[in-house]
Every structure is written in structure tokens, then in C-alpha cells.
Amino acid sequence: MSMNGKDEPVVPPSSLIRRVSSRSIRNSISEEKENGVDNVNSVKSFVSKYKTAPEALKNFHLADAESELEVPGTPMTPRTSTTPGHENCTFHHDLELDHRPPTREALLPDMASSYRLLLTGLGEDPERQGLLKTPERAAKAMLFFTKGYDQSLEEVLNNAIFDEDTDEMVVVKDIEMFSMCEHHLVPFYGKVSIGYLPQGKILGLSKLARIVEIFSRRLQVQERLTKQIAVAVTQAVRPAGVAVVIEGVHMCMVMRGVQKINSKTVTSTMLGVFRDDPKTREEFLNLVHTK
């Protein structure tokens, strides 16, 4: 665009930068390392390549980038064992839908190196017997803790939405939840209760727990997690209303800072009739708090 009659450099939107830079810079740098070029020159080389990129790429609109560009290993394009080329992948864990795409597996060496550096910074010896495999274990554990980045709502629901002539409240409570605080990278855990009022469609009950799993297995804050679960249920079955309550214990409050070991954080999101109708909201809260 031109502000003063001069052409200003085109800055790609953040989503496009995310898609282009992370993969392209790695590839560009690794190629030039093989040719004996140092990291600084590698980055400069990538920048120069971008400057000469087609105008169509530079002028990509944000909406187009979000809807059309695929990025392996992101929530937009999850990889599963049914994805062509991944039928025989062995990097699986205990949940039926959990699968690490090769793009994330490829991060393990770099992540392990970072953990090794962390151990050294703590004054430990990464070469001593007890710590020899700790960096690799920690890297794999972190990928498992954040496996929700590789799952989507559509994948997890797996068409488990059924037509049913009912409009009575459905409540699943005390769903166990484990997540990672994005501020300190320490765990928080607790229980999630979900209620919704169907409008001709119901969701397989286990899928509510799966939805909790998608969003809790990411770097999170409890407030956002609560709303994401409620919005996901709304998108799944379009009910008359959704209510979500989470009661969590945050290790960043227990182990550090104020060190209050008995404190709990309660968050709620009420959508639709649960927000507008006090009696409906009260019925849900009574069901949740009944032992």
C-alpha cells in the first residue's frame, strides 16, 4: 500500500508468517548448513528469498491464509493413523485418537537438546547415569502433555452425533482434567462438568470427555479452557444452551508464589438458556454439586 506516494514493504499476516517461516527457515538453514553457510547468513538468505517471492504470496489475505494453507502438525490439519502415509506410524499413546505426526516427532532431538541445556543450567550433569535419558523422556512427555494441538473437534467427534427427540438437560460431571499452565509450564488439574439442552441432536457421552481432552492437552489458562469446551459443544450439536464448570488446582499456586496448597479455582461458562434463564442455570448447578 502507499501512504506518502511511496511504496511501502508488504508485511505478510502473522498466520502466513507462522506457516512459511517455521518450516521454510528450518529447511533453508539445514540446506545451507550442509553447504557450509553459518546460521546468520542462512537467515539472511531466507529473508532475501522472501523479498523475491511472488506477489501473490506476499499479498495473501489473512482469511485466505487461515482457510486455504495447510500446515502439518497444527490443530488445523491433524494427522491420524488413517491419514495416507501414516498407516504404520508407531508413535502412539493410550488414547485411540492420539497420534504424533512426523513433523512433531522431528522436534524431539531439538527438544531433548534444550532439556539437556536446562539440566546443565541447573548445575546438574546430564551425562550421569540417572539423567542420561532424561532429556529424551522429558521431550516425549511434553509432546504428550500437549497432544491436543494435533486433534480437531471433527476428528474426535467421529460422527457420534445422533438425532433424538429430547429437550431435557444432559449433564456429565466430574470429568478428570490435566493441563499445563502456559505462564509457568507447570501442571494444573481438576474436574470438568458439562451440561447442555439438546435441540433434536445429542452427542455420544464419551465425546464430551474427548472434547475436554482436546483443549486441556494444550498450554492453557483455566478461564480460556472453560470457554473453549463450551463453544466446542455448541458447535457440535447446536443445543439451546451449554454450561461448563471447572474446578482446578494449580501447581503454580501450590509449589511457588503464594504456596497455598488448599486453594482451588472455579470457572464457569454459561451460553444460551443457561445464561438467560436463572432456573435452568440453578438446576444445572444443583446437579453438579450434588454428591
C-alpha atoms as a PDB file:
ATOM      1  CA  MET A   1       0.000   0.000   0.000  1.00  0.00           C
ATOM      2  CA  SER A   2       1.085   3.613  -0.456  1.00  0.00           C
ATOM      3  CA  MET A   3       0.819   6.180   2.330  1.00  0.00           C
ATOM      4  CA  ASN A   4       3.042   9.052   1.155  1.00  0.00           C
ATOM      5  CA  GLY A   5       3.134   8.314  -2.529  1.00  0.00           C
ATOM      6  CA  LYS A   6       5.883   5.784  -1.809  1.00  0.00           C
ATOM      7  CA  ASP A   7       5.598   2.072  -1.955  1.00  0.00           C
ATOM      8  CA  GLU A   8       5.938   0.542   1.482  1.00  0.00           C
ATOM      9  CA  PRO A   9       7.189  -3.015   2.017  1.00  0.00           C
ATOM     10  CA  VAL A  10       4.454  -5.597   2.212  1.00  0.00           C
ATOM     11  CA  VAL A  11       4.334  -7.365   5.555  1.00  0.00           C
ATOM     12  CA  PRO A  12       2.682 -10.797   5.462  1.00  0.00           C
ATOM     13  CA  PRO A  13      -0.019 -11.530   8.067  1.00  0.00           C
ATOM     14  CA  SER A  14       1.050 -13.337  11.235  1.00  0.00           C
ATOM     15  CA  SER A  15      -0.711 -16.545  10.254  1.00  0.00           C
ATOM     16  CA  LEU A  16       1.183 -16.632   6.979  1.00  0.00           C
ATOM     17  CA  ILE A  17       4.460 -15.925   8.747  1.00  0.00           C
ATOM     18  CA  ARG A  18       3.740 -18.822  11.061  1.00  0.00           C
ATOM     19  CA  ARG A  19       3.128 -21.147   8.154  1.00  0.00           C
ATOM     20  CA  VAL A  20       6.008 -20.008   5.983  1.00  0.00           C
ATOM     21  CA  SER A  21       8.762 -19.214   8.450  1.00  0.00           C
ATOM     22  CA  SER A  22       8.838 -22.164  10.839  1.00  0.00           C
ATOM     23  CA  ARG A  23       9.104 -24.792   8.150  1.00  0.00           C
ATOM     24  CA  SER A  24      10.871 -22.805   5.444  1.00  0.00           C
ATOM     25  CA  ILE A  25      13.512 -21.300   7.710  1.00  0.00           C
ATOM     26  CA  ARG A  26      14.348 -24.739   9.093  1.00  0.00           C
ATOM     27  CA  ASN A  27      14.634 -26.206   5.618  1.00  0.00           C
ATOM     28  CA  SER A  28      16.603 -23.218   4.309  1.00  0.00           C
ATOM     29  CA  ILE A  29      19.015 -23.248   7.235  1.00  0.00           C
ATOM     30  CA  SER A  30      19.534 -27.010   7.149  1.00  0.00           C
ATOM     31  CA  GLU A  31      20.252 -26.913   3.405  1.00  0.00           C
ATOM     32  CA  GLU A  32      22.766 -24.126   3.773  1.00  0.00           C
ATOM     33  CA  LYS A  33      24.417 -25.743   6.789  1.00  0.00           C
ATOM     34  CA  GLU A  34      25.226 -28.665   4.525  1.00  0.00           C
ATOM     35  CA  ASN A  35      26.878 -26.196   2.185  1.00  0.00           C
ATOM     36  CA  GLY A  36      28.978 -24.681   4.981  1.00  0.00           C
ATOM     37  CA  VAL A  37      26.949 -21.483   5.454  1.00  0.00           C
ATOM     38  CA  ASP A  38      26.564 -20.187   9.027  1.00  0.00           C
ATOM     39  CA  ASN A  39      23.202 -19.603  10.750  1.00  0.00           C
ATOM     40  CA  VAL A  40      23.226 -15.805  10.431  1.00  0.00           C
ATOM     41  CA  ASN A  41      23.821 -15.965   6.708  1.00  0.00           C
ATOM     42  CA  SER A  42      21.174 -18.691   6.454  1.00  0.00           C
ATOM     43  CA  VAL A  43      18.525 -16.449   7.986  1.00  0.00           C
ATOM     44  CA  LYS A  44      19.578 -13.548   5.760  1.00  0.00           C
ATOM     45  CA  SER A  45      19.331 -15.881   2.779  1.00  0.00           C
ATOM     46  CA  PHE A  46      15.774 -16.852   3.726  1.00  0.00           C
ATOM     47  CA  VAL A  47      14.785 -13.203   4.100  1.00  0.00           C
ATOM     48  CA  SER A  48      16.199 -12.434   0.669  1.00  0.00           C
ATOM     49  CA  LYS A  49      14.222 -15.330  -0.758  1.00  0.00           C
ATOM     50  CA  TYR A  50      11.041 -13.883   0.761  1.00  0.00           C
ATOM     51  CA  LYS A  51      11.742 -10.479  -0.770  1.00  0.00           C
ATOM     52  CA  THR A  52      11.785 -12.096  -4.190  1.00  0.00           C
ATOM     53  CA  ALA A  53       8.730 -14.260  -3.532  1.00  0.00           C
ATOM     54  CA  PRO A  54       5.721 -13.943  -5.861  1.00  0.00           C
ATOM     55  CA  GLU A  55       3.446 -11.024  -5.121  1.00  0.00           C
ATOM     56  CA  ALA A  56       0.551 -13.458  -4.675  1.00  0.00           C
ATOM     57  CA  LEU A  57       2.331 -14.893  -1.635  1.00  0.00           C
ATOM     58  CA  LYS A  58       3.247 -11.520  -0.138  1.00  0.00           C
ATOM     59  CA  ASN A  59      -0.265 -10.144  -0.569  1.00  0.00           C
ATOM     60  CA  PHE A  60      -2.010 -13.183   0.910  1.00  0.00           C
ATOM     61  CA  HIS A  61      -5.017 -12.061   2.932  1.00  0.00           C
ATOM     62  CA  LEU A  62      -5.382 -13.268   6.491  1.00  0.00           C
ATOM     63  CA  ALA A  63      -8.666 -15.073   5.799  1.00  0.00           C
ATOM     64  CA  ASP A  64      -7.189 -16.838   2.775  1.00  0.00           C
ATOM     65  CA  ALA A  65      -4.183 -17.955   4.766  1.00  0.00           C
ATOM     66  CA  GLU A  66      -6.343 -19.344   7.548  1.00  0.00           C
ATOM     67  CA  SER A  67      -8.700 -21.213   5.233  1.00  0.00           C
ATOM     68  CA  GLU A  68      -6.516 -22.457   2.393  1.00  0.00           C
ATOM     69  CA  LEU A  69      -2.960 -23.068   3.595  1.00  0.00           C
ATOM     70  CA  GLU A  70      -2.281 -26.394   5.279  1.00  0.00           C
ATOM     71  CA  VAL A  71       0.320 -26.721   7.982  1.00  0.00           C
ATOM     72  CA  PRO A  72       1.153 -30.275   9.077  1.00  0.00           C
ATOM     73  CA  GLY A  73       1.195 -30.661  12.830  1.00  0.00           C
ATOM     74  CA  THR A  74      -1.180 -27.821  13.699  1.00  0.00           C
ATOM     75  CA  PRO A  75      -4.757 -28.080  15.008  1.00  0.00           C
ATOM     76  CA  MET A  76      -5.994 -27.121  11.535  1.00  0.00           C
ATOM     77  CA  THR A  77      -4.580 -30.261   9.888  1.00  0.00           C
ATOM     78  CA  PRO A  78      -4.301 -33.036  12.466  1.00  0.00           C
ATOM     79  CA  ARG A  79      -2.611 -36.250  11.377  1.00  0.00           C
ATOM     80  CA  THR A  80      -4.005 -39.621  12.423  1.00  0.00           C
ATOM     81  CA  SER A  81      -3.180 -43.221  11.660  1.00  0.00           C
ATOM     82  CA  THR A  82      -5.799 -43.090   8.880  1.00  0.00           C
ATOM     83  CA  THR A  83      -4.012 -40.263   7.077  1.00  0.00           C
ATOM     84  CA  PRO A  84      -2.410 -41.644   3.879  1.00  0.00           C
ATOM     85  CA  GLY A  85       1.229 -42.398   4.502  1.00  0.00           C
ATOM     86  CA  HIS A  86       0.815 -42.717   8.273  1.00  0.00           C
ATOM     87  CA  GLU A  87      -0.852 -46.149   8.496  1.00  0.00           C
ATOM     88  CA  ASN A  88       2.218 -47.790  10.024  1.00  0.00           C
ATOM     89  CA  CYS A  89       3.351 -45.000  12.328  1.00  0.00           C
ATOM     90  CA  THR A  90       4.210 -46.399  15.759  1.00  0.00           C
ATOM     91  CA  PHE A  91       4.356 -43.244  17.848  1.00  0.00           C
ATOM     92  CA  HIS A  92       1.016 -43.821  19.596  1.00  0.00           C
ATOM     93  CA  HIS A  93      -0.129 -43.478  23.181  1.00  0.00           C
ATOM     94  CA  ASP A  94      -3.081 -44.804  25.147  1.00  0.00           C
ATOM     95  CA  LEU A  95      -5.965 -42.872  23.579  1.00  0.00           C
ATOM     96  CA  GLU A  96      -7.453 -44.239  20.379  1.00  0.00           C
ATOM     97  CA  LEU A  97      -7.277 -40.918  18.570  1.00  0.00           C
ATOM     98  CA  ASP A  98      -3.836 -39.884  19.738  1.00  0.00           C
ATOM     99  CA  HIS A  99      -1.128 -39.810  17.115  1.00  0.00           C
ATOM    100  CA  ARG A 100       2.008 -37.722  16.766  1.00  0.00           C
ATOM    101  CA  PRO A 101       2.621 -36.594  13.201  1.00  0.00           C
ATOM    102  CA  PRO A 102       6.173 -36.871  11.871  1.00  0.00           C
ATOM    103  CA  THR A 103       6.517 -33.104  11.948  1.00  0.00           C
ATOM    104  CA  ARG A 104       6.262 -33.217  15.752  1.00  0.00           C
ATOM    105  CA  GLU A 105       8.411 -36.320  16.105  1.00  0.00           C
ATOM    106  CA  ALA A 106      11.089 -34.463  14.199  1.00  0.00           C
ATOM    107  CA  LEU A 107      11.162 -31.909  17.028  1.00  0.00           C
ATOM    108  CA  LEU A 108      12.296 -34.481  19.607  1.00  0.00           C
ATOM    109  CA  PRO A 109      16.080 -34.117  19.042  1.00  0.00           C
ATOM    110  CA  ASP A 110      15.975 -30.325  19.371  1.00  0.00           C
ATOM    111  CA  MET A 111      13.665 -30.508  22.384  1.00  0.00           C
ATOM    112  CA  ALA A 112      15.930 -33.083  24.052  1.00  0.00           C
ATOM    113  CA  SER A 113      18.912 -30.783  23.472  1.00  0.00           C
ATOM    114  CA  SER A 114      17.022 -27.954  25.135  1.00  0.00           C
ATOM    115  CA  TYR A 115      16.259 -30.098  28.176  1.00  0.00           C
ATOM    116  CA  ARG A 116      19.914 -31.141  28.320  1.00  0.00           C
ATOM    117  CA  LEU A 117      20.913 -27.473  28.349  1.00  0.00           C
ATOM    118  CA  LEU A 118      18.348 -26.823  31.081  1.00  0.00           C
ATOM    119  CA  LEU A 119      19.836 -29.582  33.236  1.00  0.00           C
ATOM    120  CA  THR A 120      23.280 -28.075  32.782  1.00  0.00           C
ATOM    121  CA  GLY A 121      21.952 -24.649  33.751  1.00  0.00           C
ATOM    122  CA  LEU A 122      20.565 -26.154  36.959  1.00  0.00           C
ATOM    123  CA  GLY A 123      24.068 -27.334  37.866  1.00  0.00           C
ATOM    124  CA  GLU A 124      23.406 -30.965  37.016  1.00  0.00           C
ATOM    125  CA  ASP A 125      25.496 -33.326  34.926  1.00  0.00           C
ATOM    126  CA  PRO A 126      23.373 -34.597  32.005  1.00  0.00           C
ATOM    127  CA  GLU A 127      25.918 -37.367  31.498  1.00  0.00           C
ATOM    128  CA  ARG A 128      25.441 -39.006  34.869  1.00  0.00           C
ATOM    129  CA  GLN A 129      23.610 -42.315  34.852  1.00  0.00           C
ATOM    130  CA  GLY A 130      20.289 -41.148  36.241  1.00  0.00           C
ATOM    131  CA  LEU A 131      19.975 -38.291  33.720  1.00  0.00           C
ATOM    132  CA  LEU A 132      21.305 -39.911  30.554  1.00  0.00           C
ATOM    133  CA  LYS A 133      17.867 -40.443  29.013  1.00  0.00           C
ATOM    134  CA  THR A 134      16.025 -37.727  30.927  1.00  0.00           C
ATOM    135  CA  PRO A 135      16.135 -35.137  28.096  1.00  0.00           C
ATOM    136  CA  GLU A 136      14.545 -37.585  25.641  1.00  0.00           C
ATOM    137  CA  ARG A 137      11.937 -38.686  28.183  1.00  0.00           C
ATOM    138  CA  ALA A 138      11.091 -35.082  29.039  1.00  0.00           C
ATOM    139  CA  ALA A 139      10.723 -34.152  25.365  1.00  0.00           C
ATOM    140  CA  LYS A 140       8.358 -37.065  24.726  1.00  0.00           C
ATOM    141  CA  ALA A 141       6.407 -36.235  27.859  1.00  0.00           C
ATOM    142  CA  MET A 142       5.965 -32.610  26.769  1.00  0.00           C
ATOM    143  CA  LEU A 143       4.633 -33.733  23.396  1.00  0.00           C
ATOM    144  CA  PHE A 144       2.180 -35.999  25.205  1.00  0.00           C
ATOM    145  CA  PHE A 145       1.110 -33.213  27.565  1.00  0.00           C
ATOM    146  CA  THR A 146       0.360 -31.022  24.531  1.00  0.00           C
ATOM    147  CA  LYS A 147      -1.109 -33.657  22.213  1.00  0.00           C
ATOM    148  CA  GLY A 148      -4.311 -31.620  21.897  1.00  0.00           C
ATOM    149  CA  TYR A 149      -2.604 -29.441  19.298  1.00  0.00           C
ATOM    150  CA  ASP A 150      -2.831 -32.389  16.883  1.00  0.00           C
ATOM    151  CA  GLN A 151      -6.528 -33.084  17.370  1.00  0.00           C
ATOM    152  CA  SER A 152      -9.567 -31.369  15.940  1.00  0.00           C
ATOM    153  CA  LEU A 153     -13.203 -31.360  17.013  1.00  0.00           C
ATOM    154  CA  GLU A 154     -14.304 -33.159  13.832  1.00  0.00           C
ATOM    155  CA  GLU A 155     -11.735 -35.902  14.320  1.00  0.00           C
ATOM    156  CA  VAL A 156     -12.680 -36.561  17.920  1.00  0.00           C
ATOM    157  CA  LEU A 157     -16.465 -36.478  17.388  1.00  0.00           C
ATOM    158  CA  ASN A 158     -16.121 -39.047  14.597  1.00  0.00           C
ATOM    159  CA  ASN A 159     -19.792 -38.583  13.577  1.00  0.00           C
ATOM    160  CA  ALA A 160     -21.026 -39.603  17.044  1.00  0.00           C
ATOM    161  CA  ILE A 161     -23.937 -37.137  16.778  1.00  0.00           C
ATOM    162  CA  PHE A 162     -27.401 -38.670  16.867  1.00  0.00           C
ATOM    163  CA  ASP A 163     -30.916 -37.448  16.114  1.00  0.00           C
ATOM    164  CA  GLU A 164     -33.053 -37.741  19.243  1.00  0.00           C
ATOM    165  CA  ASP A 165     -36.372 -36.132  20.086  1.00  0.00           C
ATOM    166  CA  THR A 166     -35.426 -34.821  23.522  1.00  0.00           C
ATOM    167  CA  ASP A 167     -35.008 -31.417  25.059  1.00  0.00           C
ATOM    168  CA  GLU A 168     -34.143 -32.439  28.617  1.00  0.00           C
ATOM    169  CA  MET A 169     -30.865 -31.446  30.229  1.00  0.00           C
ATOM    170  CA  VAL A 170     -27.843 -33.708  29.731  1.00  0.00           C
ATOM    171  CA  VAL A 171     -25.109 -33.426  32.350  1.00  0.00           C
ATOM    172  CA  VAL A 172     -21.764 -35.224  32.560  1.00  0.00           C
ATOM    173  CA  LYS A 173     -19.879 -34.193  35.654  1.00  0.00           C
ATOM    174  CA  ASP A 174     -16.521 -34.790  37.317  1.00  0.00           C
ATOM    175  CA  ILE A 175     -14.584 -35.398  34.096  1.00  0.00           C
ATOM    176  CA  GLU A 176     -10.941 -35.553  35.147  1.00  0.00           C
ATOM    177  CA  MET A 177      -8.765 -32.916  33.521  1.00  0.00           C
ATOM    178  CA  PHE A 178      -4.996 -32.418  33.341  1.00  0.00           C
ATOM    179  CA  SER A 179      -3.408 -29.432  31.656  1.00  0.00           C
ATOM    180  CA  MET A 180      -0.307 -27.244  31.577  1.00  0.00           C
ATOM    181  CA  CYS A 181      -0.250 -23.651  32.777  1.00  0.00           C
ATOM    182  CA  GLU A 182       1.039 -21.508  29.933  1.00  0.00           C
ATOM    183  CA  HIS A 183       2.554 -18.985  32.346  1.00  0.00           C
ATOM    184  CA  HIS A 184       4.913 -21.320  34.229  1.00  0.00           C
ATOM    185  CA  LEU A 185       4.752 -24.621  32.298  1.00  0.00           C
ATOM    186  CA  VAL A 186       3.647 -26.496  35.399  1.00  0.00           C
ATOM    187  CA  PRO A 187       0.523 -28.652  35.639  1.00  0.00           C
ATOM    188  CA  PHE A 188      -2.944 -27.811  36.811  1.00  0.00           C
ATOM    189  CA  TYR A 189      -5.623 -30.425  37.219  1.00  0.00           C
ATOM    190  CA  GLY A 190      -9.203 -30.808  38.338  1.00  0.00           C
ATOM    191  CA  LYS A 191     -12.691 -31.801  37.260  1.00  0.00           C
ATOM    192  CA  VAL A 192     -14.960 -30.579  34.490  1.00  0.00           C
ATOM    193  CA  SER A 193     -18.770 -30.687  34.495  1.00  0.00           C
ATOM    194  CA  ILE A 194     -20.675 -30.123  31.258  1.00  0.00           C
ATOM    195  CA  GLY A 195     -24.403 -29.678  30.712  1.00  0.00           C
ATOM    196  CA  TYR A 196     -26.416 -28.923  27.590  1.00  0.00           C
ATOM    197  CA  LEU A 197     -30.046 -28.720  26.463  1.00  0.00           C
ATOM    198  CA  PRO A 198     -30.472 -30.665  23.191  1.00  0.00           C
ATOM    199  CA  GLN A 199     -32.495 -29.414  20.255  1.00  0.00           C
ATOM    200  CA  GLY A 200     -33.058 -32.648  18.369  1.00  0.00           C
ATOM    201  CA  LYS A 201     -29.434 -33.807  18.445  1.00  0.00           C
ATOM    202  CA  ILE A 202     -27.381 -35.460  21.175  1.00  0.00           C
ATOM    203  CA  LEU A 203     -23.690 -36.199  21.465  1.00  0.00           C
ATOM    204  CA  GLY A 204     -22.149 -39.540  22.424  1.00  0.00           C
ATOM    205  CA  LEU A 205     -21.383 -39.178  26.135  1.00  0.00           C
ATOM    206  CA  SER A 206     -17.734 -40.179  25.854  1.00  0.00           C
ATOM    207  CA  LYS A 207     -17.255 -37.424  23.292  1.00  0.00           C
ATOM    208  CA  LEU A 208     -17.762 -34.802  25.994  1.00  0.00           C
ATOM    209  CA  ALA A 209     -14.721 -36.230  27.766  1.00  0.00           C
ATOM    210  CA  ARG A 210     -12.858 -36.246  24.450  1.00  0.00           C
ATOM    211  CA  ILE A 211     -13.631 -32.562  23.943  1.00  0.00           C
ATOM    212  CA  VAL A 212     -12.174 -31.839  27.380  1.00  0.00           C
ATOM    213  CA  GLU A 213      -9.076 -33.796  26.338  1.00  0.00           C
ATOM    214  CA  ILE A 214      -8.567 -31.808  23.122  1.00  0.00           C
ATOM    215  CA  PHE A 215      -8.366 -28.439  24.818  1.00  0.00           C
ATOM    216  CA  SER A 216      -6.845 -29.407  28.156  1.00  0.00           C
ATOM    217  CA  ARG A 217      -3.871 -31.071  26.477  1.00  0.00           C
ATOM    218  CA  ARG A 218      -2.519 -27.730  25.329  1.00  0.00           C
ATOM    219  CA  LEU A 219      -0.797 -24.849  27.077  1.00  0.00           C
ATOM    220  CA  GLN A 220      -3.742 -23.260  28.824  1.00  0.00           C
ATOM    221  CA  VAL A 221      -5.289 -20.930  31.336  1.00  0.00           C
ATOM    222  CA  GLN A 222      -8.380 -22.282  33.072  1.00  0.00           C
ATOM    223  CA  GLU A 223     -10.576 -19.369  32.052  1.00  0.00           C
ATOM    224  CA  ARG A 224      -9.950 -19.950  28.345  1.00  0.00           C
ATOM    225  CA  LEU A 225     -10.213 -23.715  28.664  1.00  0.00           C
ATOM    226  CA  THR A 226     -13.702 -23.379  30.173  1.00  0.00           C
ATOM    227  CA  LYS A 227     -14.981 -21.282  27.295  1.00  0.00           C
ATOM    228  CA  GLN A 228     -13.341 -23.422  24.601  1.00  0.00           C
ATOM    229  CA  ILE A 229     -15.121 -26.526  25.878  1.00  0.00           C
ATOM    230  CA  ALA A 230     -18.483 -24.736  25.924  1.00  0.00           C
ATOM    231  CA  VAL A 231     -18.025 -23.358  22.404  1.00  0.00           C
ATOM    232  CA  ALA A 232     -16.965 -26.790  21.098  1.00  0.00           C
ATOM    233  CA  VAL A 233     -20.129 -28.438  22.450  1.00  0.00           C
ATOM    234  CA  THR A 234     -22.180 -25.650  20.891  1.00  0.00           C
ATOM    235  CA  GLN A 235     -20.520 -26.204  17.522  1.00  0.00           C
ATOM    236  CA  ALA A 236     -21.059 -29.956  17.763  1.00  0.00           C
ATOM    237  CA  VAL A 237     -24.821 -30.202  18.387  1.00  0.00           C
ATOM    238  CA  ARG A 238     -26.209 -26.641  18.335  1.00  0.00           C
ATOM    239  CA  PRO A 239     -28.096 -27.022  21.646  1.00  0.00           C
ATOM    240  CA  ALA A 240     -30.362 -24.459  23.274  1.00  0.00           C
ATOM    241  CA  GLY A 241     -27.625 -23.810  25.797  1.00  0.00           C
ATOM    242  CA  VAL A 242     -24.345 -25.101  27.219  1.00  0.00           C
ATOM    243  CA  ALA A 243     -22.888 -24.828  30.715  1.00  0.00           C
ATOM    244  CA  VAL A 244     -19.357 -25.732  31.778  1.00  0.00           C
ATOM    245  CA  VAL A 245     -17.857 -25.568  35.266  1.00  0.00           C
ATOM    246  CA  ILE A 246     -14.214 -26.385  36.038  1.00  0.00           C
ATOM    247  CA  GLU A 247     -12.713 -26.728  39.496  1.00  0.00           C
ATOM    248  CA  GLY A 248      -8.932 -26.788  39.282  1.00  0.00           C
ATOM    249  CA  VAL A 249      -5.816 -26.969  41.422  1.00  0.00           C
ATOM    250  CA  HIS A 250      -2.878 -25.022  40.020  1.00  0.00           C
ATOM    251  CA  MET A 251       0.614 -26.152  40.930  1.00  0.00           C
ATOM    252  CA  CYS A 252       1.918 -22.664  40.153  1.00  0.00           C
ATOM    253  CA  MET A 253      -0.014 -21.554  43.260  1.00  0.00           C
ATOM    254  CA  VAL A 254       0.800 -24.652  45.309  1.00  0.00           C
ATOM    255  CA  MET A 255       4.527 -25.061  44.617  1.00  0.00           C
ATOM    256  CA  ARG A 256       5.623 -21.453  44.136  1.00  0.00           C
ATOM    257  CA  GLY A 257       4.427 -17.897  44.692  1.00  0.00           C
ATOM    258  CA  VAL A 258       1.826 -17.782  47.457  1.00  0.00           C
ATOM    259  CA  GLN A 259       2.141 -21.572  48.091  1.00  0.00           C
ATOM    260  CA  LYS A 260      -1.475 -22.081  49.125  1.00  0.00           C
ATOM    261  CA  ILE A 261      -1.863 -25.843  48.941  1.00  0.00           C
ATOM    262  CA  ASN A 262      -5.619 -25.981  49.590  1.00  0.00           C
ATOM    263  CA  SER A 263      -6.726 -23.310  47.153  1.00  0.00           C
ATOM    264  CA  LYS A 264      -8.982 -24.202  44.213  1.00  0.00           C
ATOM    265  CA  THR A 265     -10.003 -22.162  41.216  1.00  0.00           C
ATOM    266  CA  VAL A 266     -13.581 -22.406  39.923  1.00  0.00           C
ATOM    267  CA  THR A 267     -14.516 -21.062  36.492  1.00  0.00           C
ATOM    268  CA  SER A 268     -17.769 -21.287  34.563  1.00  0.00           C
ATOM    269  CA  THR A 269     -19.123 -20.503  31.129  1.00  0.00           C
ATOM    270  CA  MET A 270     -22.877 -20.272  30.513  1.00  0.00           C
ATOM    271  CA  LEU A 271     -24.220 -19.994  26.981  1.00  0.00           C
ATOM    272  CA  GLY A 272     -27.769 -19.755  25.650  1.00  0.00           C
ATOM    273  CA  VAL A 273     -30.563 -20.546  28.103  1.00  0.00           C
ATOM    274  CA  PHE A 274     -28.070 -21.296  30.871  1.00  0.00           C
ATOM    275  CA  ARG A 275     -27.080 -17.625  30.753  1.00  0.00           C
ATOM    276  CA  ASP A 276     -30.567 -16.208  30.158  1.00  0.00           C
ATOM    277  CA  ASP A 277     -32.712 -18.407  32.415  1.00  0.00           C
ATOM    278  CA  PRO A 278     -31.801 -18.401  36.152  1.00  0.00           C
ATOM    279  CA  LYS A 279     -33.908 -21.509  36.850  1.00  0.00           C
ATOM    280  CA  THR A 280     -32.123 -23.558  34.182  1.00  0.00           C
ATOM    281  CA  ARG A 281     -28.761 -22.379  35.473  1.00  0.00           C
ATOM    282  CA  GLU A 282     -29.750 -23.219  39.045  1.00  0.00           C
ATOM    283  CA  GLU A 283     -30.898 -26.715  38.044  1.00  0.00           C
ATOM    284  CA  PHE A 284     -27.535 -27.378  36.399  1.00  0.00           C
ATOM    285  CA  LEU A 285     -25.527 -26.108  39.347  1.00  0.00           C
ATOM    286  CA  ASN A 286     -27.598 -28.180  41.773  1.00  0.00           C
ATOM    287  CA  LEU A 287     -26.961 -31.314  39.710  1.00  0.00           C
ATOM    288  CA  VAL A 288     -23.234 -30.573  39.533  1.00  0.00           C
ATOM    289  CA  HIS A 289     -22.878 -30.007  43.269  1.00  0.00           C
ATOM    290  CA  THR A 290     -24.989 -32.983  44.311  1.00  0.00           C
ATOM    291  CA  LYS A 291     -22.815 -35.843  45.533  1.00  0.00           C
END
